[in-house]
Amino acid sequence: MELSFRESGGVHIANISGRLTIGQASEQLNTELDKLLLRGAKKIVLILDDVPQIDSSGISALVKNSITLTHAGGELRLVCGQGRVRDALTVTRLVEAIPTFETESAALANFG
């Protein structure tokens, strides 16, 4: 899995490519988002369009980071188009717990 970060108007945007599964990938996501939090990031958008597969470990990493950000007074948002990953997020009802959008511009709109 590869992560690339950028910032736009105080929102940290992470592009994720590769499988978000048990082991190094989910641990790497947790580590990198923890670093962002330590630097004061409160608004984070994860772009999952280039993630071909997510498992329960990947989903757990998303939940953990969403809860951590919420407790710190921030918010995590996801960008995920149609496909296998979106299906997994829908089946697990994660799309109801973490705001999930079809496009980056939709995720960035009205970020309170």
PDB file of N, CA and C in Angstrom:
ATOM      1  N   MET A   1       0.842  -1.179   0.000  1.00  0.00           N
ATOM      2  CA  MET A   1       0.000   0.000   0.000  1.00  0.00           C
ATOM      3  C   MET A   1       0.887   1.242   0.000  1.00  0.00           C
ATOM      4  N   GLU A   2       0.453   2.248  -0.744  1.00  0.00           N
ATOM      5  CA  GLU A   2       1.168   3.515  -0.788  1.00  0.00           C
ATOM      6  C   GLU A   2       0.240   4.640  -0.353  1.00  0.00           C
ATOM      7  N   LEU A   3       0.817   5.584   0.379  1.00  0.00           N
ATOM      8  CA  LEU A   3       0.082   6.754   0.847  1.00  0.00           C
ATOM      9  C   LEU A   3       0.783   8.007   0.352  1.00  0.00           C
ATOM     10  N   SER A   4      -0.001   8.957  -0.109  1.00  0.00           N
ATOM     11  CA  SER A   4       0.559  10.274  -0.419  1.00  0.00           C
ATOM     12  C   SER A   4      -0.365  11.311   0.210  1.00  0.00           C
ATOM     13  N   PHE A   5       0.251  12.324   0.794  1.00  0.00           N
ATOM     14  CA  PHE A   5      -0.498  13.338   1.533  1.00  0.00           C
ATOM     15  C   PHE A   5      -0.332  14.704   0.902  1.00  0.00           C
ATOM     16  N   ARG A   6      -1.381  15.497   1.025  1.00  0.00           N
ATOM     17  CA  ARG A   6      -1.326  16.895   0.640  1.00  0.00           C
ATOM     18  C   ARG A   6      -2.326  17.631   1.520  1.00  0.00           C
ATOM     19  N   GLU A   7      -2.233  18.947   1.499  1.00  0.00           N
ATOM     20  CA  GLU A   7      -3.138  19.750   2.314  1.00  0.00           C
ATOM     21  C   GLU A   7      -3.827  20.782   1.438  1.00  0.00           C
ATOM     22  N   SER A   8      -5.110  20.992   1.691  1.00  0.00           N
ATOM     23  CA  SER A   8      -5.878  21.973   0.940  1.00  0.00           C
ATOM     24  C   SER A   8      -6.800  22.696   1.912  1.00  0.00           C
ATOM     25  N   GLY A   9      -6.518  23.959   2.159  1.00  0.00           N
ATOM     26  CA  GLY A   9      -7.382  24.761   3.023  1.00  0.00           C
ATOM     27  C   GLY A   9      -7.552  24.214   4.423  1.00  0.00           C
ATOM     28  N   GLY A  10      -6.494  23.664   4.993  1.00  0.00           N
ATOM     29  CA  GLY A  10      -6.567  23.120   6.345  1.00  0.00           C
ATOM     30  C   GLY A  10      -7.075  21.695   6.423  1.00  0.00           C
ATOM     31  N   VAL A  11      -7.394  21.109   5.282  1.00  0.00           N
ATOM     32  CA  VAL A  11      -7.839  19.712   5.239  1.00  0.00           C
ATOM     33  C   VAL A  11      -6.689  18.864   4.708  1.00  0.00           C
ATOM     34  N   HIS A  12      -6.358  17.819   5.443  1.00  0.00           N
ATOM     35  CA  HIS A  12      -5.306  16.898   5.025  1.00  0.00           C
ATOM     36  C   HIS A  12      -5.949  15.787   4.193  1.00  0.00           C
ATOM     37  N   ILE A  13      -5.418  15.597   3.007  1.00  0.00           N
ATOM     38  CA  ILE A  13      -5.980  14.634   2.069  1.00  0.00           C
ATOM     39  C   ILE A  13      -4.954  13.533   1.846  1.00  0.00           C
ATOM     40  N   ALA A  14      -5.372  12.296   2.042  1.00  0.00           N
ATOM     41  CA  ALA A  14      -4.486  11.152   1.854  1.00  0.00           C
ATOM     42  C   ALA A  14      -5.004  10.307   0.706  1.00  0.00           C
ATOM     43  N   ASN A  15      -4.179  10.152  -0.317  1.00  0.00           N
ATOM     44  CA  ASN A  15      -4.492   9.231  -1.406  1.00  0.00           C
ATOM     45  C   ASN A  15      -3.899   7.879  -1.047  1.00  0.00           C
ATOM     46  N   ILE A  16      -4.729   6.871  -1.038  1.00  0.00           N
ATOM     47  CA  ILE A  16      -4.280   5.523  -0.695  1.00  0.00           C
ATOM     48  C   ILE A  16      -4.383   4.664  -1.947  1.00  0.00           C
ATOM     49  N   SER A  17      -3.304   3.953  -2.251  1.00  0.00           N
ATOM     50  CA  SER A  17      -3.364   3.017  -3.377  1.00  0.00           C
ATOM     51  C   SER A  17      -2.794   1.680  -2.920  1.00  0.00           C
ATOM     52  N   GLY A  18      -3.459   0.624  -3.327  1.00  0.00           N
ATOM     53  CA  GLY A  18      -3.071  -0.727  -2.922  1.00  0.00           C
ATOM     54  C   GLY A  18      -4.064  -1.292  -1.933  1.00  0.00           C
ATOM     55  N   ARG A  19      -3.850  -2.530  -1.599  1.00  0.00           N
ATOM     56  CA  ARG A  19      -4.768  -3.242  -0.703  1.00  0.00           C
ATOM     57  C   ARG A  19      -4.669  -2.711   0.718  1.00  0.00           C
ATOM     58  N   LEU A  20      -5.816  -2.500   1.334  1.00  0.00           N
ATOM     59  CA  LEU A  20      -5.893  -2.066   2.729  1.00  0.00           C
ATOM     60  C   LEU A  20      -6.368  -3.276   3.529  1.00  0.00           C
ATOM     61  N   THR A  21      -5.386  -4.107   3.875  1.00  0.00           N
ATOM     62  CA  THR A  21      -5.693  -5.393   4.496  1.00  0.00           C
ATOM     63  C   THR A  21      -4.825  -5.618   5.729  1.00  0.00           C
ATOM     64  N   ILE A  22      -5.027  -6.758   6.375  1.00  0.00           N
ATOM     65  CA  ILE A  22      -4.323  -7.098   7.606  1.00  0.00           C
ATOM     66  C   ILE A  22      -2.814  -7.031   7.404  1.00  0.00           C
ATOM     67  N   GLY A  23      -2.137  -6.614   8.459  1.00  0.00           N
ATOM     68  CA  GLY A  23      -0.682  -6.554   8.410  1.00  0.00           C
ATOM     69  C   GLY A  23      -0.169  -5.149   8.207  1.00  0.00           C
ATOM     70  N   GLN A  24       0.851  -5.038   7.399  1.00  0.00           N
ATOM     71  CA  GLN A  24       1.569  -3.776   7.237  1.00  0.00           C
ATOM     72  C   GLN A  24       0.679  -2.639   6.744  1.00  0.00           C
ATOM     73  N   ALA A  25      -0.243  -2.906   5.833  1.00  0.00           N
ATOM     74  CA  ALA A  25      -1.058  -1.829   5.249  1.00  0.00           C
ATOM     75  C   ALA A  25      -1.904  -1.118   6.303  1.00  0.00           C
ATOM     76  N   SER A  26      -2.656  -1.866   7.090  1.00  0.00           N
ATOM     77  CA  SER A  26      -3.522  -1.217   8.082  1.00  0.00           C
ATOM     78  C   SER A  26      -2.689  -0.577   9.185  1.00  0.00           C
ATOM     79  N   GLU A  27      -1.561  -1.194   9.561  1.00  0.00           N
ATOM     80  CA  GLU A  27      -0.675  -0.605  10.564  1.00  0.00           C
ATOM     81  C   GLU A  27      -0.062   0.691  10.044  1.00  0.00           C
ATOM     82  N   GLN A  28       0.327   0.700   8.767  1.00  0.00           N
ATOM     83  CA  GLN A  28       0.911   1.897   8.161  1.00  0.00           C
ATOM     84  C   GLN A  28      -0.104   3.046   8.159  1.00  0.00           C
ATOM     85  N   LEU A  29      -1.361   2.739   7.832  1.00  0.00           N
ATOM     86  CA  LEU A  29      -2.395   3.776   7.836  1.00  0.00           C
ATOM     87  C   LEU A  29      -2.550   4.362   9.236  1.00  0.00           C
ATOM     88  N   ASN A  30      -2.625   3.498  10.246  1.00  0.00           N
ATOM     89  CA  ASN A  30      -2.748   3.980  11.626  1.00  0.00           C
ATOM     90  C   ASN A  30      -1.564   4.854  12.016  1.00  0.00           C
ATOM     91  N   THR A  31      -0.365   4.428  11.689  1.00  0.00           N
ATOM     92  CA  THR A  31       0.841   5.178  12.040  1.00  0.00           C
ATOM     93  C   THR A  31       0.860   6.543  11.381  1.00  0.00           C
ATOM     94  N   GLU A  32       0.561   6.588  10.088  1.00  0.00           N
ATOM     95  CA  GLU A  32       0.608   7.864   9.367  1.00  0.00           C
ATOM     96  C   GLU A  32      -0.474   8.831   9.837  1.00  0.00           C
ATOM     97  N   LEU A  33      -1.660   8.317  10.128  1.00  0.00           N
ATOM     98  CA  LEU A  33      -2.724   9.204  10.612  1.00  0.00           C
ATOM     99  C   LEU A  33      -2.447   9.670  12.035  1.00  0.00           C
ATOM    100  N   ASP A  34      -1.812   8.820  12.853  1.00  0.00           N
ATOM    101  CA  ASP A  34      -1.397   9.249  14.187  1.00  0.00           C
ATOM    102  C   ASP A  34      -0.411  10.418  14.090  1.00  0.00           C
ATOM    103  N   LYS A  35       0.516  10.350  13.123  1.00  0.00           N
ATOM    104  CA  LYS A  35       1.479  11.439  12.924  1.00  0.00           C
ATOM    105  C   LYS A  35       0.764  12.738  12.554  1.00  0.00           C
ATOM    106  N   LEU A  36      -0.250  12.629  11.680  1.00  0.00           N
ATOM    107  CA  LEU A  36      -1.019  13.817  11.309  1.00  0.00           C
ATOM    108  C   LEU A  36      -1.702  14.429  12.529  1.00  0.00           C
ATOM    109  N   LEU A  37      -2.289  13.583  13.362  1.00  0.00           N
ATOM    110  CA  LEU A  37      -2.974  14.064  14.567  1.00  0.00           C
ATOM    111  C   LEU A  37      -1.997  14.775  15.500  1.00  0.00           C
ATOM    112  N   LEU A  38      -0.805  14.209  15.657  1.00  0.00           N
ATOM    113  CA  LEU A  38       0.199  14.824  16.522  1.00  0.00           C
ATOM    114  C   LEU A  38       0.626  16.198  16.013  1.00  0.00           C
ATOM    115  N   ARG A  39       0.533  16.394  14.699  1.00  0.00           N
ATOM    116  CA  ARG A  39       0.875  17.688  14.103  1.00  0.00           C
ATOM    117  C   ARG A  39      -0.326  18.633  14.106  1.00  0.00           C
ATOM    118  N   GLY A  40      -1.448  18.209  14.697  1.00  0.00           N
ATOM    119  CA  GLY A  40      -2.592  19.091  14.842  1.00  0.00           C
ATOM    120  C   GLY A  40      -3.672  18.967  13.786  1.00  0.00           C
ATOM    121  N   ALA A  41      -3.574  17.979  12.912  1.00  0.00           N
ATOM    122  CA  ALA A  41      -4.606  17.800  11.877  1.00  0.00           C
ATOM    123  C   ALA A  41      -5.935  17.438  12.532  1.00  0.00           C
ATOM    124  N   LYS A  42      -6.985  18.111  12.107  1.00  0.00           N
ATOM    125  CA  LYS A  42      -8.330  17.834  12.633  1.00  0.00           C
ATOM    126  C   LYS A  42      -9.298  17.393  11.544  1.00  0.00           C
ATOM    127  N   LYS A  43      -8.974  17.732  10.305  1.00  0.00           N
ATOM    128  CA  LYS A  43      -9.846  17.389   9.177  1.00  0.00           C
ATOM    129  C   LYS A  43      -9.033  16.543   8.205  1.00  0.00           C
ATOM    130  N   ILE A  44      -9.469  15.290   8.038  1.00  0.00           N
ATOM    131  CA  ILE A  44      -8.738  14.363   7.168  1.00  0.00           C
ATOM    132  C   ILE A  44      -9.709  13.705   6.202  1.00  0.00           C
ATOM    133  N   VAL A  45      -9.311  13.671   4.944  1.00  0.00           N
ATOM    134  CA  VAL A  45     -10.066  12.973   3.902  1.00  0.00           C
ATOM    135  C   VAL A  45      -9.184  11.850   3.372  1.00  0.00           C
ATOM    136  N   LEU A  46      -9.724  10.647   3.370  1.00  0.00           N
ATOM    137  CA  LEU A  46      -9.017   9.501   2.805  1.00  0.00           C
ATOM    138  C   LEU A  46      -9.648   9.157   1.467  1.00  0.00           C
ATOM    139  N   ILE A  47      -8.825   9.143   0.424  1.00  0.00           N
ATOM    140  CA  ILE A  47      -9.319   8.801  -0.904  1.00  0.00           C
ATOM    141  C   ILE A  47      -9.008   7.337  -1.158  1.00  0.00           C
ATOM    142  N   LEU A  48     -10.071   6.545  -1.282  1.00  0.00           N
ATOM    143  CA  LEU A  48      -9.951   5.092  -1.398  1.00  0.00           C
ATOM    144  C   LEU A  48     -10.194   4.585  -2.819  1.00  0.00           C
ATOM    145  N   ASP A  49     -10.239   5.472  -3.793  1.00  0.00           N
ATOM    146  CA  ASP A  49     -10.557   5.062  -5.161  1.00  0.00           C
ATOM    147  C   ASP A  49      -9.545   4.088  -5.759  1.00  0.00           C
ATOM    148  N   ASP A  50      -8.291   4.132  -5.293  1.00  0.00           N
ATOM    149  CA  ASP A  50      -7.260   3.235  -5.820  1.00  0.00           C
ATOM    150  C   ASP A  50      -6.978   2.057  -4.891  1.00  0.00           C
ATOM    151  N   VAL A  51      -7.935   1.769  -4.015  1.00  0.00           N
ATOM    152  CA  VAL A  51      -7.835   0.610  -3.127  1.00  0.00           C
ATOM    153  C   VAL A  51      -8.697  -0.503  -3.729  1.00  0.00           C
ATOM    154  N   PRO A  52      -8.062  -1.573  -4.232  1.00  0.00           N
ATOM    155  CA  PRO A  52      -8.844  -2.639  -4.865  1.00  0.00           C
ATOM    156  C   PRO A  52      -9.489  -3.596  -3.871  1.00  0.00           C
ATOM    157  N   GLN A  53      -8.965  -3.630  -2.634  1.00  0.00           N
ATOM    158  CA  GLN A  53      -9.478  -4.589  -1.658  1.00  0.00           C
ATOM    159  C   GLN A  53      -9.302  -4.045  -0.252  1.00  0.00           C
ATOM    160  N   ILE A  54     -10.329  -4.272   0.586  1.00  0.00           N
ATOM    161  CA  ILE A  54     -10.266  -3.910   1.999  1.00  0.00           C
ATOM    162  C   ILE A  54     -10.815  -5.090   2.785  1.00  0.00           C
ATOM    163  N   ASP A  55     -10.183  -5.392   3.920  1.00  0.00           N
ATOM    164  CA  ASP A  55     -10.693  -6.475   4.762  1.00  0.00           C
ATOM    165  C   ASP A  55     -11.063  -5.908   6.135  1.00  0.00           C
ATOM    166  N   SER A  56     -11.365  -6.793   7.078  1.00  0.00           N
ATOM    167  CA  SER A  56     -11.813  -6.334   8.393  1.00  0.00           C
ATOM    168  C   SER A  56     -10.740  -5.512   9.111  1.00  0.00           C
ATOM    169  N   SER A  57      -9.478  -5.815   8.865  1.00  0.00           N
ATOM    170  CA  SER A  57      -8.402  -5.022   9.461  1.00  0.00           C
ATOM    171  C   SER A  57      -8.386  -3.606   8.909  1.00  0.00           C
ATOM    172  N   GLY A  58      -8.576  -3.471   7.613  1.00  0.00           N
ATOM    173  CA  GLY A  58      -8.638  -2.156   6.993  1.00  0.00           C
ATOM    174  C   GLY A  58      -9.830  -1.370   7.494  1.00  0.00           C
ATOM    175  N   ILE A  59     -10.958  -2.041   7.605  1.00  0.00           N
ATOM    176  CA  ILE A  59     -12.167  -1.387   8.119  1.00  0.00           C
ATOM    177  C   ILE A  59     -11.954  -0.960   9.567  1.00  0.00           C
ATOM    178  N   SER A  60     -11.314  -1.820  10.358  1.00  0.00           N
ATOM    179  CA  SER A  60     -11.011  -1.472  11.753  1.00  0.00           C
ATOM    180  C   SER A  60     -10.116  -0.246  11.836  1.00  0.00           C
ATOM    181  N   ALA A  61      -9.139  -0.141  10.937  1.00  0.00           N
ATOM    182  CA  ALA A  61      -8.254   1.020  10.921  1.00  0.00           C
ATOM    183  C   ALA A  61      -9.050   2.296  10.636  1.00  0.00           C
ATOM    184  N   LEU A  62     -10.006   2.219   9.705  1.00  0.00           N
ATOM    185  CA  LEU A  62     -10.843   3.386   9.400  1.00  0.00           C
ATOM    186  C   LEU A  62     -11.675   3.786  10.617  1.00  0.00           C
ATOM    187  N   VAL A  63     -12.267   2.799  11.287  1.00  0.00           N
ATOM    188  CA  VAL A  63     -13.097   3.066  12.461  1.00  0.00           C
ATOM    189  C   VAL A  63     -12.255   3.669  13.580  1.00  0.00           C
ATOM    190  N   LYS A  64     -11.104   3.065  13.863  1.00  0.00           N
ATOM    191  CA  LYS A  64     -10.217   3.549  14.920  1.00  0.00           C
ATOM    192  C   LYS A  64      -9.839   5.004  14.682  1.00  0.00           C
ATOM    193  N   ASN A  65      -9.445   5.311  13.465  1.00  0.00           N
ATOM    194  CA  ASN A  65      -9.014   6.672  13.162  1.00  0.00           C
ATOM    195  C   ASN A  65     -10.164   7.664  13.186  1.00  0.00           C
ATOM    196  N   SER A  66     -11.339   7.234  12.781  1.00  0.00           N
ATOM    197  CA  SER A  66     -12.513   8.100  12.847  1.00  0.00           C
ATOM    198  C   SER A  66     -12.842   8.442  14.303  1.00  0.00           C
ATOM    199  N   ILE A  67     -12.810   7.441  15.174  1.00  0.00           N
ATOM    200  CA  ILE A  67     -13.103   7.656  16.594  1.00  0.00           C
ATOM    201  C   ILE A  67     -12.052   8.570  17.224  1.00  0.00           C
ATOM    202  N   THR A  68     -10.780   8.312  16.920  1.00  0.00           N
ATOM    203  CA  THR A  68      -9.690   9.129  17.459  1.00  0.00           C
ATOM    204  C   THR A  68      -9.850  10.586  17.040  1.00  0.00           C
ATOM    205  N   LEU A  69     -10.140  10.805  15.757  1.00  0.00           N
ATOM    206  CA  LEU A  69     -10.316  12.182  15.263  1.00  0.00           C
ATOM    207  C   LEU A  69     -11.524  12.857  15.912  1.00  0.00           C
ATOM    208  N   THR A  70     -12.617  12.136  16.038  1.00  0.00           N
ATOM    209  CA  THR A  70     -13.821  12.686  16.650  1.00  0.00           C
ATOM    210  C   THR A  70     -13.533  13.120  18.087  1.00  0.00           C
ATOM    211  N   HIS A  71     -12.825  12.269  18.834  1.00  0.00           N
ATOM    212  CA  HIS A  71     -12.502  12.599  20.230  1.00  0.00           C
ATOM    213  C   HIS A  71     -11.565  13.795  20.318  1.00  0.00           C
ATOM    214  N   ALA A  72     -10.782  14.031  19.265  1.00  0.00           N
ATOM    215  CA  ALA A  72      -9.871  15.175  19.236  1.00  0.00           C
ATOM    216  C   ALA A  72     -10.549  16.425  18.678  1.00  0.00           C
ATOM    217  N   GLY A  73     -11.852  16.329  18.406  1.00  0.00           N
ATOM    218  CA  GLY A  73     -12.589  17.476  17.883  1.00  0.00           C
ATOM    219  C   GLY A  73     -12.492  17.621  16.374  1.00  0.00           C
ATOM    220  N   GLY A  74     -12.103  16.550  15.694  1.00  0.00           N
ATOM    221  CA  GLY A  74     -11.966  16.580  14.239  1.00  0.00           C
ATOM    222  C   GLY A  74     -12.954  15.669  13.546  1.00  0.00           C
ATOM    223  N   GLU A  75     -12.681  15.420  12.275  1.00  0.00           N
ATOM    224  CA  GLU A  75     -13.578  14.574  11.486  1.00  0.00           C
ATOM    225  C   GLU A  75     -12.801  13.876  10.374  1.00  0.00           C
ATOM    226  N   LEU A  76     -13.154  12.628  10.159  1.00  0.00           N
ATOM    227  CA  LEU A  76     -12.615  11.839   9.051  1.00  0.00           C
ATOM    228  C   LEU A  76     -13.716  11.678   8.017  1.00  0.00           C
ATOM    229  N   ARG A  77     -13.350  11.879   6.754  1.00  0.00           N
ATOM    230  CA  ARG A  77     -14.277  11.651   5.649  1.00  0.00           C
ATOM    231  C   ARG A  77     -13.600  10.730   4.646  1.00  0.00           C
ATOM    232  N   LEU A  78     -14.416   9.955   3.946  1.00  0.00           N
ATOM    233  CA  LEU A  78     -13.909   9.013   2.952  1.00  0.00           C
ATOM    234  C   LEU A  78     -14.402   9.388   1.567  1.00  0.00           C
ATOM    235  N   VAL A  79     -13.570   9.122   0.567  1.00  0.00           N
ATOM    236  CA  VAL A  79     -13.972   9.242  -0.832  1.00  0.00           C
ATOM    237  C   VAL A  79     -13.824   7.853  -1.430  1.00  0.00           C
ATOM    238  N   CYS A  80     -14.934   7.338  -1.939  1.00  0.00           N
ATOM    239  CA  CYS A  80     -14.911   5.983  -2.475  1.00  0.00           C
ATOM    240  C   CYS A  80     -16.024   5.835  -3.507  1.00  0.00           C
ATOM    241  N   GLY A  81     -15.623   5.646  -4.754  1.00  0.00           N
ATOM    242  CA  GLY A  81     -16.588   5.436  -5.819  1.00  0.00           C
ATOM    243  C   GLY A  81     -17.154   4.023  -5.765  1.00  0.00           C
ATOM    244  N   GLN A  82     -17.976   3.712  -6.719  1.00  0.00           N
ATOM    245  CA  GLN A  82     -18.607   2.392  -6.770  1.00  0.00           C
ATOM    246  C   GLN A  82     -17.563   1.303  -7.005  1.00  0.00           C
ATOM    247  N   GLY A  83     -17.821   0.124  -6.452  1.00  0.00           N
ATOM    248  CA  GLY A  83     -16.920  -1.008  -6.625  1.00  0.00           C
ATOM    249  C   GLY A  83     -16.876  -1.864  -5.373  1.00  0.00           C
ATOM    250  N   ARG A  84     -15.896  -2.748  -5.338  1.00  0.00           N
ATOM    251  CA  ARG A  84     -15.793  -3.724  -4.238  1.00  0.00           C
ATOM    252  C   ARG A  84     -15.603  -3.070  -2.880  1.00  0.00           C
ATOM    253  N   VAL A  85     -14.751  -2.040  -2.823  1.00  0.00           N
ATOM    254  CA  VAL A  85     -14.497  -1.398  -1.534  1.00  0.00           C
ATOM    255  C   VAL A  85     -15.747  -0.669  -1.046  1.00  0.00           C
ATOM    256  N   ARG A  86     -16.407   0.034  -1.947  1.00  0.00           N
ATOM    257  CA  ARG A  86     -17.659   0.723  -1.562  1.00  0.00           C
ATOM    258  C   ARG A  86     -18.695  -0.291  -1.091  1.00  0.00           C
ATOM    259  N   ASP A  87     -18.760  -1.436  -1.770  1.00  0.00           N
ATOM    260  CA  ASP A  87     -19.684  -2.499  -1.356  1.00  0.00           C
ATOM    261  C   ASP A  87     -19.368  -2.963   0.067  1.00  0.00           C
ATOM    262  N   ALA A  88     -18.073  -3.144   0.366  1.00  0.00           N
ATOM    263  CA  ALA A  88     -17.673  -3.587   1.714  1.00  0.00           C
ATOM    264  C   ALA A  88     -18.036  -2.535   2.756  1.00  0.00           C
ATOM    265  N   LEU A  89     -17.840  -1.269   2.425  1.00  0.00           N
ATOM    266  CA  LEU A  89     -18.181  -0.198   3.359  1.00  0.00           C
ATOM    267  C   LEU A  89     -19.687  -0.115   3.582  1.00  0.00           C
ATOM    268  N   THR A  90     -20.456  -0.417   2.535  1.00  0.00           N
ATOM    269  CA  THR A  90     -21.914  -0.383   2.638  1.00  0.00           C
ATOM    270  C   THR A  90     -22.433  -1.561   3.454  1.00  0.00           C
ATOM    271  N   VAL A  91     -21.925  -2.763   3.168  1.00  0.00           N
ATOM    272  CA  VAL A  91     -22.365  -3.977   3.877  1.00  0.00           C
ATOM    273  C   VAL A  91     -22.075  -3.863   5.369  1.00  0.00           C
ATOM    274  N   THR A  92     -20.934  -3.295   5.719  1.00  0.00           N
ATOM    275  CA  THR A  92     -20.571  -3.144   7.126  1.00  0.00           C
ATOM    276  C   THR A  92     -21.204  -1.913   7.765  1.00  0.00           C
ATOM    277  N   ARG A  93     -21.934  -1.153   6.954  1.00  0.00           N
ATOM    278  CA  ARG A  93     -22.628   0.058   7.383  1.00  0.00           C
ATOM    279  C   ARG A  93     -21.674   1.171   7.811  1.00  0.00           C
ATOM    280  N   LEU A  94     -20.436   1.065   7.362  1.00  0.00           N
ATOM    281  CA  LEU A  94     -19.457   2.098   7.675  1.00  0.00           C
ATOM    282  C   LEU A  94     -19.806   3.418   6.994  1.00  0.00           C
ATOM    283  N   VAL A  95     -20.468   3.337   5.831  1.00  0.00           N
ATOM    284  CA  VAL A  95     -20.867   4.565   5.132  1.00  0.00           C
ATOM    285  C   VAL A  95     -21.861   5.382   5.964  1.00  0.00           C
ATOM    286  N   GLU A  96     -22.515   4.729   6.919  1.00  0.00           N
ATOM    287  CA  GLU A  96     -23.432   5.443   7.808  1.00  0.00           C
ATOM    288  C   GLU A  96     -22.696   6.060   8.996  1.00  0.00           C
ATOM    289  N   ALA A  97     -21.550   5.478   9.366  1.00  0.00           N
ATOM    290  CA  ALA A  97     -20.804   5.938  10.535  1.00  0.00           C
ATOM    291  C   ALA A  97     -19.756   6.997  10.182  1.00  0.00           C
ATOM    292  N   ILE A  98     -19.141   6.862   8.996  1.00  0.00           N
ATOM    293  CA  ILE A  98     -18.123   7.803   8.549  1.00  0.00           C
ATOM    294  C   ILE A  98     -18.633   8.430   7.258  1.00  0.00           C
ATOM    295  N   PRO A  99     -18.735   9.754   7.215  1.00  0.00           N
ATOM    296  CA  PRO A  99     -19.223  10.392   5.990  1.00  0.00           C
ATOM    297  C   PRO A  99     -18.419   9.930   4.770  1.00  0.00           C
ATOM    298  N   THR A 100     -19.124   9.380   3.785  1.00  0.00           N
ATOM    299  CA  THR A 100     -18.485   8.805   2.596  1.00  0.00           C
ATOM    300  C   THR A 100     -19.074   9.460   1.357  1.00  0.00           C
ATOM    301  N   PHE A 101     -18.194   9.879   0.455  1.00  0.00           N
ATOM    302  CA  PHE A 101     -18.594  10.646  -0.713  1.00  0.00           C
ATOM    303  C   PHE A 101     -18.069   9.991  -1.986  1.00  0.00           C
ATOM    304  N   GLU A 102     -18.711  10.311  -3.103  1.00  0.00           N
ATOM    305  CA  GLU A 102     -18.309   9.780  -4.408  1.00  0.00           C
ATOM    306  C   GLU A 102     -17.077  10.497  -4.963  1.00  0.00           C
ATOM    307  N   THR A 103     -16.915  11.790  -4.613  1.00  0.00           N
ATOM    308  CA  THR A 103     -15.830  12.586  -5.179  1.00  0.00           C
ATOM    309  C   THR A 103     -15.117  13.373  -4.091  1.00  0.00           C
ATOM    310  N   GLU A 104     -13.886  13.748  -4.392  1.00  0.00           N
ATOM    311  CA  GLU A 104     -13.115  14.563  -3.455  1.00  0.00           C
ATOM    312  C   GLU A 104     -13.767  15.926  -3.237  1.00  0.00           C
ATOM    313  N   SER A 105     -14.267  16.532  -4.302  1.00  0.00           N
ATOM    314  CA  SER A 105     -14.879  17.855  -4.153  1.00  0.00           C
ATOM    315  C   SER A 105     -16.113  17.785  -3.255  1.00  0.00           C
ATOM    316  N   ALA A 106     -16.870  16.711  -3.333  1.00  0.00           N
ATOM    317  CA  ALA A 106     -18.034  16.549  -2.457  1.00  0.00           C
ATOM    318  C   ALA A 106     -17.592  16.383  -0.987  1.00  0.00           C
ATOM    319  N   ALA A 107     -16.507  15.652  -0.779  1.00  0.00           N
ATOM    320  CA  ALA A 107     -16.008  15.447   0.579  1.00  0.00           C
ATOM    321  C   ALA A 107     -15.481  16.747   1.190  1.00  0.00           C
ATOM    322  N   LEU A 108     -14.884  17.582   0.357  1.00  0.00           N
ATOM    323  CA  LEU A 108     -14.319  18.836   0.847  1.00  0.00           C
ATOM    324  C   LEU A 108     -15.373  19.923   1.061  1.00  0.00           C
ATOM    325  N   ALA A 109     -16.515  19.800   0.401  1.00  0.00           N
ATOM    326  CA  ALA A 109     -17.576  20.802   0.508  1.00  0.00           C
ATOM    327  C   ALA A 109     -18.149  20.827   1.932  1.00  0.00           C
ATOM    328  N   ASN A 110     -18.338  22.010   2.440  1.00  0.00           N
ATOM    329  CA  ASN A 110     -18.967  22.206   3.749  1.00  0.00           C
ATOM    330  C   ASN A 110     -18.277  21.459   4.879  1.00  0.00           C
ATOM    331  N   PHE A 111     -16.960  21.373   4.812  1.00  0.00           N
ATOM    332  CA  PHE A 111     -16.209  20.704   5.875  1.00  0.00           C
ATOM    333  C   PHE A 111     -16.214  21.639   7.071  1.00  0.00           C
ATOM    334  N   GLY A 112     -17.004  21.262   8.100  1.00  0.00           N
ATOM    335  CA  GLY A 112     -17.170  22.150   9.230  1.00  0.00           C
ATOM    336  C   GLY A 112     -16.137  21.957  10.239  1.00  0.00           C
TER     337      GLY A 112
END
